[in-house]
C-alpha cells in the first residue's frame, strides 16, 4: 500500500531501530535517563529555548502548554481551525478548565488587530486571556506556512498585553525547511513551542515542548499528573535524536513530491487542488467526479493507495519519507484510471 493518510504513518529507519537497541537508559521520572537528557538538550538548542521536555505526543505537549500557562476560568485565543481547538477532544476545557476564543483567520493566520481586540479587558464579567495559540504549519489549511511577519506582529501584541504565546509547531521543521527561516528564529517569537518527532522527522513516537527553565519544570509536574512520566524512556528517545540529526534536510524531498503530485492532479479532469501546496500536504477536491470524498477514498484503497476524507468533497494527501517519487507516479496513474 502507498499510504498518504498522514506523515504519522512512517516506519522508523534502520538507524533509529539500532539507536533504540543501543540506547543507554535510566528512570526519567527521577531525571536519570541520559538519552532523554541528550534529546532534550538538543531540542532546547535547536529551538533556542532554555530547556525542553520529551512528551508522548503533540497533543500532550500542547495541553501541557495550556495547563502551565493558564488558570481555570481563563480563555485562550486561537485561529478557528487550530488543531488545539478542533482536534484535541476539548482537552483545554476538560483538563485546564479554560474556554477557547476562536478567531477567523486567512490560511491559518490571525489578523493581529482582530487578535488584540479579542484580548479581554479587566472586567468582572469577562474571563482573563491566559494564552495565545499559533500553529505552524497550519494543518487544516493544507500545511500552509504561517507568515513570519504575522508571527512577529502577534508576538508584539502579546508582549504589550502580557499574554504568553504558544506555538503548536507539530510540523515546524517543514515550515523551516520550506521557508529558509530557522526553527530557532520562529521560536524566538514565542514563549513556548511544541514540535513532533513522529511526523515528517520520522521517529516512531514522541514530541518536544520547549520554553524557559521555570516553565519546563512546572510542565514536568503537569506531565506527571497526566500520566506522562516515563521510566526507561531512552529507548523511544533515541530515534528522536536521529530524527533531529539526520531527518530535517530530507523534508525537501517530501515537499517536492507533494508539489509533483499536486501538479499532476490539477491536470486531471474533475479534480481540483484546493490549497497552495507549500509543504507536504495536499487537499484534493473531487466534486467534479462521480464520487464523494469517502467513495473516492474507497476506490483508492481498492487500488492500493490510502488517503483520508476530510469533508464531503475533500481528501487529504500527505507525503513523507516512506513515499517515493516513483510512488507519486503510480498514484497519478491509478487516480487517472479511477476518474
Protein backbone atom coordinates (compact mmCIF):
# COMPACT_ATOMS: atom_id res chain seq x y z
CA UNK A 1 0.00 0.00 0.00
CA UNK A 2 1.08 3.58 -0.70
CA UNK A 3 -0.03 5.35 2.48
CA UNK A 4 -0.82 9.04 2.01
CA UNK A 5 -3.14 9.40 5.02
CA UNK A 6 -0.57 11.25 7.14
CA UNK A 7 3.12 11.67 7.87
CA UNK A 8 2.40 9.95 11.19
CA UNK A 9 2.43 6.54 9.48
CA UNK A 10 6.19 6.46 8.78
CA UNK A 11 8.23 3.47 9.89
CA UNK A 12 11.45 4.06 11.86
CA UNK A 13 14.64 3.81 9.84
CA UNK A 14 17.20 1.10 10.44
CA UNK A 15 19.41 3.68 12.15
CA UNK A 16 16.57 4.59 14.51
CA UNK A 17 15.95 0.94 15.38
CA UNK A 18 19.65 0.45 16.07
CA UNK A 19 19.73 3.58 18.21
CA UNK A 20 16.86 2.21 20.30
CA UNK A 21 18.68 -1.09 20.73
CA UNK A 22 21.85 0.59 21.93
CA UNK A 23 20.30 3.41 23.97
CA UNK A 24 21.66 3.99 27.45
CA UNK A 25 18.68 4.29 29.78
CA UNK A 26 17.66 5.27 33.31
CA UNK A 27 14.48 6.32 35.12
CA UNK A 28 13.30 9.55 33.55
CA UNK A 29 10.82 10.34 36.35
CA UNK A 30 13.95 10.63 38.52
CA UNK A 31 15.57 12.56 35.63
CA UNK A 32 18.19 9.83 35.29
CA UNK A 33 17.79 8.75 31.66
CA UNK A 34 20.88 10.00 29.78
CA UNK A 35 19.34 9.52 26.33
CA UNK A 36 16.27 11.55 27.27
CA UNK A 37 18.57 14.26 28.64
CA UNK A 38 20.58 14.30 25.41
CA UNK A 39 17.42 14.63 23.31
CA UNK A 40 16.02 17.42 25.49
CA UNK A 41 19.32 19.33 25.42
CA UNK A 42 19.47 19.06 21.63
CA UNK A 43 15.84 20.19 21.32
CA UNK A 44 16.48 23.19 23.57
CA UNK A 45 19.46 24.15 21.42
CA UNK A 46 17.52 23.79 18.16
CA UNK A 47 14.66 25.95 19.43
CA UNK A 48 16.87 28.46 21.25
CA UNK A 49 15.00 27.91 24.50
CA UNK A 50 16.43 27.39 27.98
CA UNK A 51 15.01 23.90 28.41
CA UNK A 52 12.93 21.20 26.75
CA UNK A 53 10.77 18.27 27.77
CA UNK A 54 10.08 14.99 25.98
CA UNK A 55 6.34 14.23 25.82
CA UNK A 56 4.35 11.34 24.42
CA UNK A 57 2.56 13.27 21.68
CA UNK A 58 1.94 16.67 20.13
CA UNK A 59 -1.46 16.82 21.80
CA UNK A 60 0.09 16.18 25.21
CA UNK A 61 2.68 18.88 24.53
CA UNK A 62 0.01 21.40 23.58
CA UNK A 63 -2.10 20.53 26.62
CA UNK A 64 0.91 20.89 28.91
CA UNK A 65 1.41 24.38 27.49
CA UNK A 66 -2.20 25.34 28.20
CA UNK A 67 -2.13 23.79 31.69
CA UNK A 68 1.13 25.52 32.57
CA UNK A 69 0.38 28.94 31.08
CA UNK A 70 -3.22 29.31 32.27
CA UNK A 71 -5.57 29.00 35.23
CA UNK A 72 -9.10 27.55 35.27
CA UNK A 73 -11.67 30.12 34.20
CA UNK A 74 -9.37 31.86 31.73
CA UNK A 75 -9.63 31.99 27.94
CA UNK A 76 -7.18 31.22 25.17
CA UNK A 77 -7.22 32.85 21.73
CA UNK A 78 -6.79 30.56 18.73
CA UNK A 79 -7.39 30.57 14.99
CA UNK A 80 -10.78 28.94 14.32
CA UNK A 81 -9.29 25.87 12.61
CA UNK A 82 -6.43 25.38 15.06
CA UNK A 83 -5.58 21.79 15.96
CA UNK A 84 -5.76 22.59 19.69
CA UNK A 85 -9.32 23.82 19.19
CA UNK A 86 -10.66 21.28 16.69
CA UNK A 87 -8.81 18.01 17.14
CA UNK A 88 -7.77 17.57 20.76
CA UNK A 89 -11.05 16.41 22.27
CA UNK A 90 -11.87 19.71 24.01
CA UNK A 91 -9.00 18.95 26.36
CA UNK A 92 -8.38 22.63 27.06
CA UNK A 93 -11.80 22.72 28.72
CA UNK A 94 -11.83 19.19 30.15
CA UNK A 95 -8.35 19.39 31.67
CA UNK A 96 -7.32 23.04 32.00
CA UNK A 97 -10.79 24.49 32.60
CA UNK A 98 -10.31 27.25 30.03
CA UNK A 99 -12.53 28.26 27.15
CA UNK A 100 -11.44 28.89 23.57
CA UNK A 101 -11.84 32.25 21.81
CA UNK A 102 -11.60 31.28 18.11
CA UNK A 103 -10.77 33.96 15.54
CA UNK A 104 -11.32 33.60 11.80
CA UNK A 105 -8.00 33.63 10.01
CA UNK A 106 -6.61 33.56 6.49
CA UNK A 107 -4.84 30.29 5.75
CA UNK A 108 -4.38 29.84 9.48
CA UNK A 109 -3.05 33.35 10.13
CA UNK A 110 -4.98 35.59 12.53
CA UNK A 111 -5.14 39.33 11.87
CA UNK A 112 -3.12 40.98 14.69
CA UNK A 113 -5.72 43.74 15.01
CA UNK A 114 -8.52 41.19 15.41
CA UNK A 115 -6.43 39.33 17.94
CA UNK A 116 -5.70 42.42 20.02
CA UNK A 117 -9.39 43.31 20.01
CA UNK A 118 -10.16 39.83 21.35
CA UNK A 119 -7.87 40.20 24.38
CA UNK A 120 -10.18 40.70 27.32
CA UNK A 121 -10.17 43.96 29.29
CA UNK A 122 -10.14 43.97 33.08
CA UNK A 123 -13.85 43.44 33.71
CA UNK A 124 -15.62 41.26 36.26
CA UNK A 125 -17.89 39.87 33.53
CA UNK A 126 -15.08 38.52 31.34
CA UNK A 127 -12.53 35.71 31.61
CA UNK A 128 -8.89 36.74 31.57
CA UNK A 129 -6.94 36.00 28.40
CA UNK A 130 -4.46 33.35 29.52
CA UNK A 131 -2.69 32.36 26.29
CA UNK A 132 -2.47 32.96 22.55
CA UNK A 133 -2.03 29.86 20.40
CA UNK A 134 -0.42 29.75 16.94
CA UNK A 135 0.05 26.82 14.55
CA UNK A 136 2.85 26.45 12.01
CA UNK A 137 2.47 24.76 9.59
CA UNK A 138 -1.31 25.05 9.67
CA UNK A 139 -2.79 21.59 9.23
CA UNK A 140 -6.35 22.50 8.21
CA UNK A 141 -5.10 24.99 5.62
CA UNK A 142 -3.15 22.27 3.87
CA UNK A 143 0.24 22.60 5.55
CA UNK A 144 0.38 26.36 4.98
CA UNK A 145 3.36 28.19 6.44
CA UNK A 146 2.38 30.88 8.93
CA UNK A 147 3.83 34.16 7.59
CA UNK A 148 6.83 35.17 9.65
CA UNK A 149 5.80 38.83 9.82
CA UNK A 150 2.39 37.73 11.12
CA UNK A 151 4.08 35.80 13.92
CA UNK A 152 6.21 38.80 14.83
CA UNK A 153 3.24 41.16 14.91
CA UNK A 154 1.20 38.80 17.07
CA UNK A 155 4.12 38.36 19.46
CA UNK A 156 4.39 42.14 19.79
CA UNK A 157 0.66 42.34 20.57
CA UNK A 158 1.09 39.61 23.17
CA UNK A 159 4.04 41.38 24.80
CA UNK A 160 2.10 44.64 25.07
CA UNK A 161 -0.73 42.82 26.78
CA UNK A 162 1.43 40.46 28.86
CA UNK A 163 -0.11 37.30 27.41
CA UNK A 164 2.09 34.26 26.68
CA UNK A 165 2.30 32.82 23.14
CA UNK A 166 2.46 29.08 22.50
CA UNK A 167 3.31 27.69 19.08
CA UNK A 168 1.86 24.36 18.01
CA UNK A 169 4.76 23.56 15.73
CA UNK A 170 3.88 19.93 15.07
CA UNK A 171 5.30 20.41 11.56
CA UNK A 172 7.53 23.38 12.32
CA UNK A 173 10.54 21.76 10.65
CA UNK A 174 8.54 21.56 7.42
CA UNK A 175 7.91 25.29 7.68
CA UNK A 176 11.58 25.95 8.38
CA UNK A 177 12.93 23.87 5.50
CA UNK A 178 10.42 25.32 3.03
CA UNK A 179 10.83 28.96 4.10
CA UNK A 180 14.55 29.00 4.89
CA UNK A 181 13.77 30.51 8.31
CA UNK A 182 15.40 28.59 11.15
CA UNK A 183 13.37 26.83 13.82
CA UNK A 184 15.19 28.95 16.38
CA UNK A 185 14.12 32.16 14.63
CA UNK A 186 10.50 31.04 14.53
CA UNK A 187 10.63 30.00 18.18
CA UNK A 188 12.12 33.35 19.23
CA UNK A 189 8.69 34.91 18.66
CA UNK A 190 7.01 32.53 21.08
CA UNK A 191 7.20 31.83 24.79
CA UNK A 192 6.84 28.08 24.28
CA UNK A 193 6.90 25.75 21.30
CA UNK A 194 5.85 22.16 20.66
CA UNK A 195 7.11 20.09 17.76
CA UNK A 196 6.58 16.47 16.75
CA UNK A 197 9.35 13.96 16.25
CA UNK A 198 6.84 11.43 14.91
CA UNK A 199 5.61 13.22 11.77
CA UNK A 200 7.91 14.37 8.97
CA UNK A 201 11.02 13.72 11.05
CA UNK A 202 10.13 10.04 11.04
CA UNK A 203 10.60 8.97 14.65
CA UNK A 204 8.13 6.30 15.84
CA UNK A 205 6.82 8.22 18.84
CA UNK A 206 7.13 11.45 20.80
CA UNK A 207 7.16 15.21 20.72
CA UNK A 208 9.04 18.05 22.41
CA UNK A 209 7.87 21.11 24.31
CA UNK A 210 10.43 23.86 24.90
CA UNK A 211 10.49 27.09 26.90
CA UNK A 212 12.09 28.69 29.95
CA UNK A 213 13.57 26.53 32.71
CA UNK A 214 10.82 27.59 35.08
CA UNK A 215 8.11 26.76 32.55
CA UNK A 216 9.56 23.32 31.79
CA UNK A 217 9.88 22.48 35.49
CA UNK A 218 6.19 23.29 36.02
CA UNK A 219 5.23 21.45 32.81
CA UNK A 220 7.14 18.39 34.04
CA UNK A 221 4.81 18.20 37.03
CA UNK A 222 1.76 18.52 34.79
CA UNK A 223 3.17 15.75 32.60
CA UNK A 224 3.37 13.52 35.67
CA UNK A 225 -0.23 14.38 36.59
CA UNK A 226 -1.35 13.37 33.11
CA UNK A 227 0.38 10.00 33.39
CA UNK A 228 3.18 11.05 31.07
CA UNK A 229 6.03 10.33 33.45
CA UNK A 230 8.05 7.64 31.68
CA UNK A 231 10.69 5.32 33.07
CA UNK A 232 13.45 3.89 30.83
CA UNK A 233 12.31 6.15 28.00
CA UNK A 234 15.69 6.42 26.28
CA UNK A 235 14.60 3.54 24.05
CA UNK A 236 11.98 5.78 22.43
CA UNK A 237 14.01 8.98 22.75
CA UNK A 238 16.99 7.62 20.79
CA UNK A 239 15.13 7.66 17.44
CA UNK A 240 14.22 11.28 18.22
CA UNK A 241 17.91 12.18 18.34
CA UNK A 242 18.38 10.52 14.94
CA UNK A 243 15.35 12.47 13.67
CA UNK A 244 16.85 15.82 14.69
CA UNK A 245 20.30 14.87 13.40
CA UNK A 246 19.55 13.15 10.10
CA UNK A 247 15.98 13.75 9.01
CA UNK A 248 15.50 17.52 8.76
CA UNK A 249 17.10 18.33 5.41
CA UNK A 250 15.37 15.43 3.65
CA UNK A 251 11.97 17.12 4.25
CA UNK A 252 12.69 18.92 0.97
CA UNK A 253 12.03 15.61 -0.82
CA UNK A 254 8.55 15.40 0.73
CA UNK A 255 7.78 18.93 -0.40
CA UNK A 256 8.96 18.20 -3.95
CA UNK A 257 6.84 15.05 -4.08
CA UNK A 258 3.80 16.92 -2.80
CA UNK A 259 4.17 19.60 -5.48
CA UNK A 260 4.70 16.93 -8.15
CA UNK A 261 1.54 15.13 -7.04
CA UNK A 262 -0.47 18.36 -6.88
CA UNK A 263 0.60 19.44 -10.36
CA UNK A 264 -0.32 16.05 -11.78
CA UNK A 265 -3.72 16.01 -10.08
CA UNK A 266 -4.54 19.51 -11.31
CA UNK A 267 -4.14 18.28 -14.88
CA UNK A 268 -6.84 15.62 -14.45
CA UNK A 269 -10.45 16.42 -15.35
CA UNK A 270 -12.81 16.70 -12.38
CA UNK A 271 -10.10 17.24 -9.78
CA UNK A 272 -9.03 20.47 -8.13
CA UNK A 273 -6.24 21.04 -5.62
CA UNK A 274 -7.79 23.37 -3.05
CA UNK A 275 -4.63 24.64 -1.35
CA UNK A 276 -1.36 26.26 -2.35
CA UNK A 277 0.98 23.35 -1.72
CA UNK A 278 3.77 24.88 0.35
CA UNK A 279 4.97 21.83 2.27
CA UNK A 280 3.82 18.18 2.34
CA UNK A 281 0.00 18.34 2.46
CA UNK A 282 -2.44 18.37 -0.44
CA UNK A 283 -6.19 18.98 -0.14
CA UNK A 284 -7.88 17.48 -3.20
CA UNK A 285 -11.45 18.34 -4.22
CA UNK A 286 -13.25 15.54 -6.08
CA UNK A 287 -16.58 17.30 -6.62
CA UNK A 288 -16.11 17.16 -10.39
CA UNK A 289 -16.04 13.35 -10.34
CA UNK A 290 -18.95 10.91 -9.86
CA UNK A 291 -17.69 10.18 -6.33
CA UNK A 292 -17.98 11.67 -2.87
CA UNK A 293 -14.73 12.02 -0.94
CA UNK A 294 -15.46 8.86 1.06
CA UNK A 295 -16.26 6.89 -2.09
CA UNK A 296 -13.11 8.16 -3.78
CA UNK A 297 -11.04 7.11 -0.77
CA UNK A 298 -12.54 3.61 -1.00
CA UNK A 299 -11.73 3.38 -4.72
CA UNK A 300 -8.15 4.44 -3.94
CA UNK A 301 -7.90 1.78 -1.26
CA UNK A 302 -9.01 -0.87 -3.75
CA UNK A 303 -6.12 0.23 -5.96
CA UNK A 304 -3.55 0.13 -3.15
CA UNK A 305 -3.49 3.79 -2.05
CA UNK A 306 -4.57 5.05 1.37
CA UNK A 307 -5.92 8.59 1.81
CA UNK A 308 -8.31 10.38 4.16
CA UNK A 309 -11.63 12.14 3.53
CA UNK A 310 -11.78 15.47 5.39
CA UNK A 311 -15.11 16.70 4.03
CA UNK A 312 -17.93 15.73 1.65
CA UNK A 313 -15.78 16.50 -1.39
CA UNK A 314 -12.26 16.91 0.04
CA UNK A 315 -9.44 14.43 0.50
CA UNK A 316 -6.13 14.97 2.29
CA UNK A 317 -2.93 13.50 0.87
CA UNK A 318 0.33 13.75 2.82
CA UNK A 319 3.82 12.94 1.57
CA UNK A 320 6.52 11.60 3.88
CA UNK A 321 9.77 9.64 3.97
CA UNK A 322 8.11 6.33 3.01
CA UNK A 323 6.63 7.82 -0.19
CA UNK A 324 9.00 7.95 -3.15
CA UNK A 325 8.92 9.90 -6.40
CA UNK A 326 8.08 6.62 -8.14
CA UNK A 327 5.12 6.18 -5.75
CA UNK A 328 3.84 9.59 -6.85
CA UNK A 329 3.89 8.48 -10.49
CA UNK A 330 2.00 5.31 -9.54
CA UNK A 331 -0.63 7.25 -7.59
CA UNK A 332 -1.23 9.63 -10.50
CA UNK A 333 -1.72 6.70 -12.90
CA UNK A 334 -4.14 4.99 -10.50
CA UNK A 335 -6.18 8.14 -9.93
CA UNK A 336 -6.34 8.77 -13.67
CA UNK A 337 -7.72 5.25 -14.03
CA UNK A 338 -10.37 5.84 -11.37
CA UNK A 339 -11.75 9.00 -12.93
